[in-house]
C-alpha atoms as a PDB file:
ATOM      1  CA  MET A   1      -4.985  22.077  -3.717  1.00  0.00           C
ATOM      2  CA  LYS A   2      -6.738  19.617  -6.012  1.00  0.00           C
ATOM      3  CA  GLY A   3      -8.187  16.354  -4.777  1.00  0.00           C
ATOM      4  CA  LEU A   4     -10.968  13.881  -5.313  1.00  0.00           C
ATOM      5  CA  TYR A   5     -13.384  11.802  -3.308  1.00  0.00           C
ATOM      6  CA  LEU A   6     -14.599   8.259  -3.928  1.00  0.00           C
ATOM      7  CA  GLN A   7     -18.307   7.849  -3.193  1.00  0.00           C
ATOM      8  CA  HIS A   8     -19.915   4.419  -2.826  1.00  0.00           C
ATOM      9  CA  VAL A   9     -23.642   5.194  -2.457  1.00  0.00           C
ATOM     10  CA  PRO A  10     -25.692   8.296  -3.308  1.00  0.00           C
ATOM     11  CA  PHE A  11     -26.522   9.140   0.317  1.00  0.00           C
ATOM     12  CA  GLU A  12     -23.000   9.074   1.833  1.00  0.00           C
ATOM     13  CA  THR A  13     -21.435  12.256   0.503  1.00  0.00           C
ATOM     14  CA  PRO A  14     -18.459  14.204   1.906  1.00  0.00           C
ATOM     15  CA  ARG A  15     -20.846  16.649   3.621  1.00  0.00           C
ATOM     16  CA  ALA A  16     -18.772  19.044   5.759  1.00  0.00           C
ATOM     17  CA  ILE A  17     -15.562  18.066   3.935  1.00  0.00           C
ATOM     18  CA  LEU A  18     -16.944  19.883   0.899  1.00  0.00           C
ATOM     19  CA  ASP A  19     -17.598  22.928   3.101  1.00  0.00           C
ATOM     20  CA  TRP A  20     -13.976  22.810   4.256  1.00  0.00           C
ATOM     21  CA  ALA A  21     -12.690  22.564   0.684  1.00  0.00           C
ATOM     22  CA  ASP A  22     -14.890  25.466  -0.421  1.00  0.00           C
ATOM     23  CA  GLU A  23     -13.808  27.698   2.475  1.00  0.00           C
ATOM     24  CA  ARG A  24     -10.126  26.932   1.890  1.00  0.00           C
ATOM     25  CA  GLY A  25     -10.267  27.332  -1.880  1.00  0.00           C
ATOM     26  CA  HIS A  26      -9.493  23.669  -2.607  1.00  0.00           C
ATOM     27  CA  GLU A  27     -11.014  21.686  -5.469  1.00  0.00           C
ATOM     28  CA  LEU A  28     -12.478  18.248  -4.711  1.00  0.00           C
ATOM     29  CA  ARG A  29     -13.851  16.258  -7.637  1.00  0.00           C
ATOM     30  CA  GLY A  30     -16.317  13.443  -7.021  1.00  0.00           C
ATOM     31  CA  ILE A  31     -15.916   9.926  -8.419  1.00  0.00           C
ATOM     32  CA  HIS A  32     -19.296   8.208  -8.056  1.00  0.00           C
ATOM     33  CA  LEU A  33     -18.436   4.527  -8.153  1.00  0.00           C
ATOM     34  CA  PHE A  34     -22.056   3.502  -7.604  1.00  0.00           C
ATOM     35  CA  ALA A  35     -22.959   5.279 -10.850  1.00  0.00           C
ATOM     36  CA  GLY A  36     -20.203   3.666 -12.903  1.00  0.00           C
ATOM     37  CA  ASP A  37     -17.715   6.550 -12.908  1.00  0.00           C
ATOM     38  CA  PRO A  38     -14.281   5.263 -13.948  1.00  0.00           C
ATOM     39  CA  LEU A  39     -11.398   5.658 -11.569  1.00  0.00           C
ATOM     40  CA  PRO A  40      -9.022   8.387 -12.708  1.00  0.00           C
ATOM     41  CA  ARG A  41      -5.511   7.861 -13.962  1.00  0.00           C
ATOM     42  CA  GLU A  42      -4.098  10.723 -11.909  1.00  0.00           C
ATOM     43  CA  PHE A  43      -3.206  10.655  -8.224  1.00  0.00           C
ATOM     44  CA  PRO A  44      -3.980  14.047  -6.683  1.00  0.00           C
ATOM     45  CA  GLU A  45      -2.641  15.520  -3.469  1.00  0.00           C
ATOM     46  CA  LEU A  46      -5.676  14.351  -1.474  1.00  0.00           C
ATOM     47  CA  VAL A  47      -7.973  11.357  -1.927  1.00  0.00           C
ATOM     48  CA  VAL A  48     -11.023  11.070   0.352  1.00  0.00           C
ATOM     49  CA  VAL A  49     -12.661   7.633   0.554  1.00  0.00           C
ATOM     50  CA  MET A  50     -16.231   7.761   1.823  1.00  0.00           C
ATOM     51  CA  GLY A  51     -18.384   5.249   3.686  1.00  0.00           C
ATOM     52  CA  GLY A  52     -21.109   2.904   2.543  1.00  0.00           C
ATOM     53  CA  PRO A  53     -23.279   0.007   3.711  1.00  0.00           C
ATOM     54  CA  MET A  54     -21.262  -2.623   1.886  1.00  0.00           C
ATOM     55  CA  SER A  55     -18.287  -4.564   3.284  1.00  0.00           C
ATOM     56  CA  VAL A  56     -14.760  -4.530   1.917  1.00  0.00           C
ATOM     57  CA  HIS A  57     -15.333  -8.267   1.289  1.00  0.00           C
ATOM     58  CA  ASP A  58     -18.335  -7.762  -1.051  1.00  0.00           C
ATOM     59  CA  GLU A  59     -16.322  -7.855  -4.261  1.00  0.00           C
ATOM     60  CA  ASP A  60     -18.763 -10.265  -5.909  1.00  0.00           C
ATOM     61  CA  ARG A  61     -21.609  -7.761  -5.453  1.00  0.00           C
ATOM     62  CA  TYR A  62     -19.638  -4.607  -6.262  1.00  0.00           C
ATOM     63  CA  PRO A  63     -17.218  -5.180  -9.155  1.00  0.00           C
ATOM     64  CA  TRP A  64     -15.643  -1.753  -8.670  1.00  0.00           C
ATOM     65  CA  LEU A  65     -14.307  -2.722  -5.217  1.00  0.00           C
ATOM     66  CA  PRO A  66     -11.181  -4.589  -6.452  1.00  0.00           C
ATOM     67  CA  GLU A  67     -10.436  -1.738  -8.834  1.00  0.00           C
ATOM     68  CA  GLU A  68     -10.838   0.789  -6.036  1.00  0.00           C
ATOM     69  CA  LYS A  69      -8.446  -1.147  -3.809  1.00  0.00           C
ATOM     70  CA  GLY A  70      -5.919  -1.216  -6.618  1.00  0.00           C
ATOM     71  CA  TYR A  71      -6.289   2.520  -7.145  1.00  0.00           C
ATOM     72  CA  LEU A  72      -5.730   3.221  -3.442  1.00  0.00           C
ATOM     73  CA  ARG A  73      -2.561   1.110  -3.426  1.00  0.00           C
ATOM     74  CA  GLU A  74      -1.266   3.047  -6.429  1.00  0.00           C
ATOM     75  CA  ALA A  75      -2.265   6.381  -4.881  1.00  0.00           C
ATOM     76  CA  LEU A  76      -0.279   5.571  -1.744  1.00  0.00           C
ATOM     77  CA  ALA A  77       2.723   4.584  -3.840  1.00  0.00           C
ATOM     78  CA  ALA A  78       2.403   7.832  -5.797  1.00  0.00           C
ATOM     79  CA  GLY A  79       2.451   9.901  -2.593  1.00  0.00           C
ATOM     80  CA  SER A  80      -1.192  10.983  -2.344  1.00  0.00           C
ATOM     81  CA  ARG A  81      -2.546  11.665   1.105  1.00  0.00           C
ATOM     82  CA  ILE A  82      -5.602   9.510   1.725  1.00  0.00           C
ATOM     83  CA  LEU A  83      -8.400  10.093   4.216  1.00  0.00           C
ATOM     84  CA  GLY A  84     -10.642   7.065   4.716  1.00  0.00           C
ATOM     85  CA  ILE A  85     -13.967   7.352   6.524  1.00  0.00           C
ATOM     86  CA  CYS A  86     -15.899   4.321   7.852  1.00  0.00           C
ATOM     87  CA  LEU A  87     -15.855   1.924   4.860  1.00  0.00           C
ATOM     88  CA  GLY A  88     -13.015   4.051   3.510  1.00  0.00           C
ATOM     89  CA  ALA A  89     -11.035   3.447   6.705  1.00  0.00           C
ATOM     90  CA  GLN A  90     -11.661  -0.284   6.415  1.00  0.00           C
ATOM     91  CA  LEU A  91     -10.478  -0.244   2.797  1.00  0.00           C
ATOM     92  CA  LEU A  92      -7.258   1.458   3.879  1.00  0.00           C
ATOM     93  CA  ALA A  93      -6.738  -1.139   6.602  1.00  0.00           C
ATOM     94  CA  GLU A  94      -7.233  -4.007   4.177  1.00  0.00           C
ATOM     95  CA  ILE A  95      -4.904  -2.738   1.448  1.00  0.00           C
ATOM     96  CA  LEU A  96      -2.261  -2.205   4.154  1.00  0.00           C
ATOM     97  CA  GLY A  97      -2.514  -5.837   5.230  1.00  0.00           C
ATOM     98  CA  ALA A  98      -4.865  -5.683   8.229  1.00  0.00           C
ATOM     99  CA  GLU A  99      -8.049  -7.674   8.736  1.00  0.00           C
ATOM    100  CA  VAL A 100     -11.550  -6.242   8.533  1.00  0.00           C
ATOM    101  CA  VAL A 101     -13.978  -8.228  10.686  1.00  0.00           C
ATOM    102  CA  LYS A 102     -17.353  -7.959  12.360  1.00  0.00           C
ATOM    103  CA  ASN A 103     -17.194  -5.823  15.479  1.00  0.00           C
ATOM    104  CA  ARG A 104     -18.536  -7.219  18.743  1.00  0.00           C
ATOM    105  CA  HIS A 105     -21.197  -4.492  18.776  1.00  0.00           C
ATOM    106  CA  LYS A 106     -22.870  -2.350  16.199  1.00  0.00           C
ATOM    107  CA  GLU A 107     -22.118   1.288  16.965  1.00  0.00           C
ATOM    108  CA  ILE A 108     -24.721   3.708  15.666  1.00  0.00           C
ATOM    109  CA  GLY A 109     -25.337   7.220  16.946  1.00  0.00           C
ATOM    110  CA  TRP A 110     -23.388   9.701  19.054  1.00  0.00           C
ATOM    111  CA  PHE A 111     -20.701   8.163  21.273  1.00  0.00           C
ATOM    112  CA  PRO A 112     -17.419   9.578  22.611  1.00  0.00           C
ATOM    113  CA  VAL A 113     -14.085   8.850  20.978  1.00  0.00           C
ATOM    114  CA  HIS A 114     -10.820   8.912  22.955  1.00  0.00           C
ATOM    115  CA  LEU A 115      -7.429   9.817  21.498  1.00  0.00           C
ATOM    116  CA  THR A 116      -4.469   7.688  22.510  1.00  0.00           C
ATOM    117  CA  ASP A 117      -1.454   9.114  24.340  1.00  0.00           C
ATOM    118  CA  GLU A 118       0.674   8.499  21.245  1.00  0.00           C
ATOM    119  CA  ALA A 119      -1.739  10.407  19.031  1.00  0.00           C
ATOM    120  CA  LEU A 120      -1.811  13.421  21.348  1.00  0.00           C
ATOM    121  CA  LYS A 121       1.961  13.756  20.940  1.00  0.00           C
ATOM    122  CA  HIS A 122       1.686  13.922  17.146  1.00  0.00           C
ATOM    123  CA  SER A 123       1.392  17.301  15.398  1.00  0.00           C
ATOM    124  CA  LEU A 124      -1.810  16.197  13.638  1.00  0.00           C
ATOM    125  CA  PHE A 125      -3.706  15.780  16.916  1.00  0.00           C
ATOM    126  CA  GLU A 126      -1.762  17.983  19.335  1.00  0.00           C
ATOM    127  CA  GLY A 127      -4.077  20.255  21.299  1.00  0.00           C
ATOM    128  CA  LEU A 128      -7.268  18.430  20.341  1.00  0.00           C
ATOM    129  CA  PRO A 129      -9.527  17.212  23.149  1.00  0.00           C
ATOM    130  CA  ARG A 130      -8.537  13.822  24.536  1.00  0.00           C
ATOM    131  CA  GLU A 131     -12.233  12.891  24.356  1.00  0.00           C
ATOM    132  CA  PHE A 132     -14.804  14.276  21.920  1.00  0.00           C
ATOM    133  CA  PRO A 133     -18.215  13.279  20.540  1.00  0.00           C
ATOM    134  CA  ALA A 134     -18.421  11.567  17.167  1.00  0.00           C
ATOM    135  CA  PHE A 135     -21.134  10.166  14.947  1.00  0.00           C
ATOM    136  CA  HIS A 136     -20.942   6.416  14.260  1.00  0.00           C
ATOM    137  CA  TRP A 137     -22.676   4.019  11.897  1.00  0.00           C
ATOM    138  CA  HIS A 138     -20.798   0.735  11.551  1.00  0.00           C
ATOM    139  CA  GLY A 139     -20.931  -2.973  12.324  1.00  0.00           C
ATOM    140  CA  GLU A 140     -17.411  -3.958  11.261  1.00  0.00           C
ATOM    141  CA  THR A 141     -13.981  -2.951  12.476  1.00  0.00           C
ATOM    142  CA  PHE A 142     -10.380  -3.114  11.283  1.00  0.00           C
ATOM    143  CA  GLY A 143      -7.084  -4.304  12.673  1.00  0.00           C
ATOM    144  CA  LEU A 144      -4.098  -1.986  12.820  1.00  0.00           C
ATOM    145  CA  PRO A 145      -1.744  -2.269   9.835  1.00  0.00           C
ATOM    146  CA  GLU A 146       1.891  -2.941  10.618  1.00  0.00           C
ATOM    147  CA  GLY A 147       3.651   0.363  11.219  1.00  0.00           C
ATOM    148  CA  ALA A 148       0.433   2.334  11.809  1.00  0.00           C
ATOM    149  CA  MET A 149      -0.193   4.538  14.839  1.00  0.00           C
ATOM    150  CA  HIS A 150      -3.263   3.659  16.919  1.00  0.00           C
ATOM    151  CA  VAL A 151      -5.032   7.013  17.082  1.00  0.00           C
ATOM    152  CA  ALA A 152      -8.403   6.545  18.764  1.00  0.00           C
ATOM    153  CA  TYR A 153     -10.781   4.131  20.484  1.00  0.00           C
ATOM    154  CA  SER A 154     -14.301   4.060  21.889  1.00  0.00           C
ATOM    155  CA  GLU A 155     -16.068   1.927  24.464  1.00  0.00           C
ATOM    156  CA  ALA A 156     -17.680  -0.168  21.735  1.00  0.00           C
ATOM    157  CA  CYS A 157     -14.733  -0.398  19.326  1.00  0.00           C
ATOM    158  CA  ARG A 158     -11.027  -0.500  20.142  1.00  0.00           C
ATOM    159  CA  ASN A 159      -9.714   0.603  16.740  1.00  0.00           C
ATOM    160  CA  GLN A 160     -11.478   3.806  15.803  1.00  0.00           C
ATOM    161  CA  ALA A 161      -8.639   5.449  13.886  1.00  0.00           C
ATOM    162  CA  PHE A 162      -5.076   4.985  12.706  1.00  0.00           C
ATOM    163  CA  LEU A 163      -2.405   7.042  10.953  1.00  0.00           C
ATOM    164  CA  TYR A 164      -0.054   5.330   8.530  1.00  0.00           C
ATOM    165  CA  ARG A 165       3.290   7.019   7.819  1.00  0.00           C
ATOM    166  CA  ASP A 166       1.707  10.491   7.975  1.00  0.00           C
ATOM    167  CA  GLN A 167       0.103   9.685   4.618  1.00  0.00           C
ATOM    168  CA  ALA A 168      -3.079   7.700   5.288  1.00  0.00           C
ATOM    169  CA  LEU A 169      -5.574   8.674   7.978  1.00  0.00           C
ATOM    170  CA  ALA A 170      -8.350   6.173   8.708  1.00  0.00           C
ATOM    171  CA  LEU A 171     -11.386   7.294  10.735  1.00  0.00           C
ATOM    172  CA  GLN A 172     -14.079   4.750  11.579  1.00  0.00           C
ATOM    173  CA  PHE A 173     -16.338   7.588  12.758  1.00  0.00           C
ATOM    174  CA  HIS A 174     -17.953  10.493  10.885  1.00  0.00           C
ATOM    175  CA  LEU A 175     -16.661  13.959  11.723  1.00  0.00           C
ATOM    176  CA  GLU A 176     -18.089  15.150   8.406  1.00  0.00           C
ATOM    177  CA  MET A 177     -21.676  14.343   9.361  1.00  0.00           C
ATOM    178  CA  THR A 178     -24.445  16.943   9.093  1.00  0.00           C
ATOM    179  CA  PRO A 179     -28.095  16.812  10.186  1.00  0.00           C
ATOM    180  CA  GLU A 180     -29.065  16.166   6.566  1.00  0.00           C
ATOM    181  CA  GLY A 181     -26.553  13.332   6.342  1.00  0.00           C
ATOM    182  CA  ALA A 182     -27.897  11.711   9.490  1.00  0.00           C
ATOM    183  CA  GLU A 183     -31.420  11.900   8.101  1.00  0.00           C
ATOM    184  CA  ASP A 184     -30.245  10.217   4.902  1.00  0.00           C
ATOM    185  CA  LEU A 185     -28.739   7.355   6.916  1.00  0.00           C
ATOM    186  CA  LEU A 186     -31.861   7.020   9.022  1.00  0.00           C
ATOM    187  CA  ARG A 187     -33.914   6.815   5.845  1.00  0.00           C
ATOM    188  CA  HIS A 188     -31.706   4.523   3.751  1.00  0.00           C
ATOM    189  CA  SER A 189     -30.158   2.304   6.457  1.00  0.00           C
ATOM    190  CA  ALA A 190     -32.986   2.007   8.983  1.00  0.00           C
ATOM    191  CA  GLU A 191     -32.562  -1.786   9.042  1.00  0.00           C
ATOM    192  CA  ASP A 192     -29.286  -1.285  10.961  1.00  0.00           C
ATOM    193  CA  LEU A 193     -31.140   0.093  13.983  1.00  0.00           C
ATOM    194  CA  VAL A 194     -31.381  -3.197  15.844  1.00  0.00           C
ATOM    195  CA  PRO A 195     -31.461  -3.313  19.667  1.00  0.00           C
ATOM    196  CA  GLY A 196     -28.008  -3.083  21.192  1.00  0.00           C
ATOM    197  CA  PRO A 197     -26.027  -1.280  23.898  1.00  0.00           C
ATOM    198  CA  TYR A 198     -24.452   1.074  21.341  1.00  0.00           C
ATOM    199  CA  VAL A 199     -27.359   1.610  18.954  1.00  0.00           C
ATOM    200  CA  GLN A 200     -29.298   4.809  19.504  1.00  0.00           C
ATOM    201  CA  SER A 201     -32.850   5.497  18.413  1.00  0.00           C
ATOM    202  CA  PRO A 202     -33.669   8.089  15.730  1.00  0.00           C
ATOM    203  CA  GLU A 203     -34.864  10.394  18.512  1.00  0.00           C
ATOM    204  CA  GLU A 204     -31.481  10.143  20.271  1.00  0.00           C
ATOM    205  CA  ILE A 205     -29.613  10.781  17.023  1.00  0.00           C
ATOM    206  CA  ARG A 206     -31.582  13.838  15.946  1.00  0.00           C
ATOM    207  CA  GLY A 207     -31.358  17.354  17.323  1.00  0.00           C
ATOM    208  CA  ARG A 208     -27.682  17.446  18.299  1.00  0.00           C
ATOM    209  CA  ASP A 209     -26.711  20.814  16.846  1.00  0.00           C
ATOM    210  CA  SER A 210     -23.925  21.474  19.347  1.00  0.00           C
ATOM    211  CA  LEU A 211     -22.311  18.115  18.529  1.00  0.00           C
ATOM    212  CA  TYR A 212     -22.253  18.896  14.821  1.00  0.00           C
ATOM    213  CA  ARG A 213     -20.505  22.189  15.587  1.00  0.00           C
ATOM    214  CA  THR A 214     -17.890  20.393  17.674  1.00  0.00           C
ATOM    215  CA  THR A 215     -17.167  17.696  15.113  1.00  0.00           C
ATOM    216  CA  ARG A 216     -17.010  20.249  12.303  1.00  0.00           C
ATOM    217  CA  GLU A 217     -14.375  22.251  14.167  1.00  0.00           C
ATOM    218  CA  ILE A 218     -12.272  19.142  14.819  1.00  0.00           C
ATOM    219  CA  LEU A 219     -12.660  18.028  11.198  1.00  0.00           C
ATOM    220  CA  PHE A 220     -11.480  21.360   9.813  1.00  0.00           C
ATOM    221  CA  THR A 221      -8.458  21.341  12.149  1.00  0.00           C
ATOM    222  CA  LEU A 222      -7.496  17.807  11.139  1.00  0.00           C
ATOM    223  CA  LEU A 223      -7.894  18.480   7.421  1.00  0.00           C
ATOM    224  CA  ASP A 224      -5.871  21.699   7.590  1.00  0.00           C
ATOM    225  CA  ARG A 225      -3.050  19.843   9.291  1.00  0.00           C
ATOM    226  CA  PHE A 226      -3.306  16.639   7.265  1.00  0.00           C
ATOM    227  CA  VAL A 227      -2.833  18.285   3.875  1.00  0.00           C
ATOM    228  CA  ASP A 228       0.291  20.047   5.217  1.00  0.00           C
ATOM    229  CA  LEU A 229       2.000  17.026   6.786  1.00  0.00           C
END
């Protein structure tokens, strides 16, 4: 399978998604929007949309944002499967007609995510744990697009994930995270670590090897199933 990923800042890379692609023999090409890479004309089988510190509303600061939204609309129409992570999930929500707004709480660090009953009945999530740990780093949230399945929630954020017509999967959380990725966020986005009930300290975030193993296993299962839907 051939696919591509859209990257918004140098320090938010696909991380474990690239490991999955390498192990499965898939080819994922990077489009580095922050560096001025043009959006492609083709619409591959899989498009992965990464996170970033900007908002979907920051079009005046990031002129590639409107173009990216247009590309995602066209990719959906062309039949590409799209995985959106954090900012990528919010971009999917917006192009599908839902609002992206400030969440009541910032959610940063390791907090459990709960799958909905509806999600657990779907082949994409069947057999996965009803509750599992996930890495978070966000201050905004999205509404559910019309016709989308509500997939997951957390204590701090009701809409953690949705699935749209078995074609677009939006994850507010980071199953792809690695220890190196967490260190990059701690270094480049330290200003986000303000006091709050769902904001962990660097010491609480670091040293969670078993959690990375769990999220990696769930990620690989989801990706294997998602590309075959």
